């Protein structure tokens, strides 16, 4: 799932999927007629087959995948056991572009890590006094605009330090 949105309503997506599945219309023709990418329509069909109408609903959250699932899916694809779409269907991966990114990362020698939510070293800001802010800004300026260092030392967010220095 991703944070992307579509110009097509749930009803439109369902109608297009039904045209492909029940009416046996070719994906290429439907995609062209309704200005939808063929891979997008294939993803909708796959998600509908997997999760029914819930698979067609827009999501506003990121899907999380374990490192083991990523490795298994990449190896499944690279050993020729299935196409991108077949591998996505088998491992319930949101889109083929997600799998392509994992494959590119894996084949370039980089680690596949579990999907996490957000950046781990981001800390939430805290309420500070004017005097504390001045001290943080002076520290950051004295250390060649080391925003990360100041944020860590004073337990505030990077964004807060950056904003205070700019002001």
Foldseek 3Di string as FASTA:
>chain_A
DEQDDDPDDLVRLVVLLCCCPVVVDDLVVSCVVVVHDSQVNLLSNLLCVVPNSVSSDDDRDDDKDALVLLVVLLVCVVVPVDDLSVSCSVSVPNGSVVNVVSNVCVVVPHGDHIDDPDDPPFAAADDDDPVLLVVLLVVCVVVVNPLVVSCVVSVGGSVSNVVSNVD
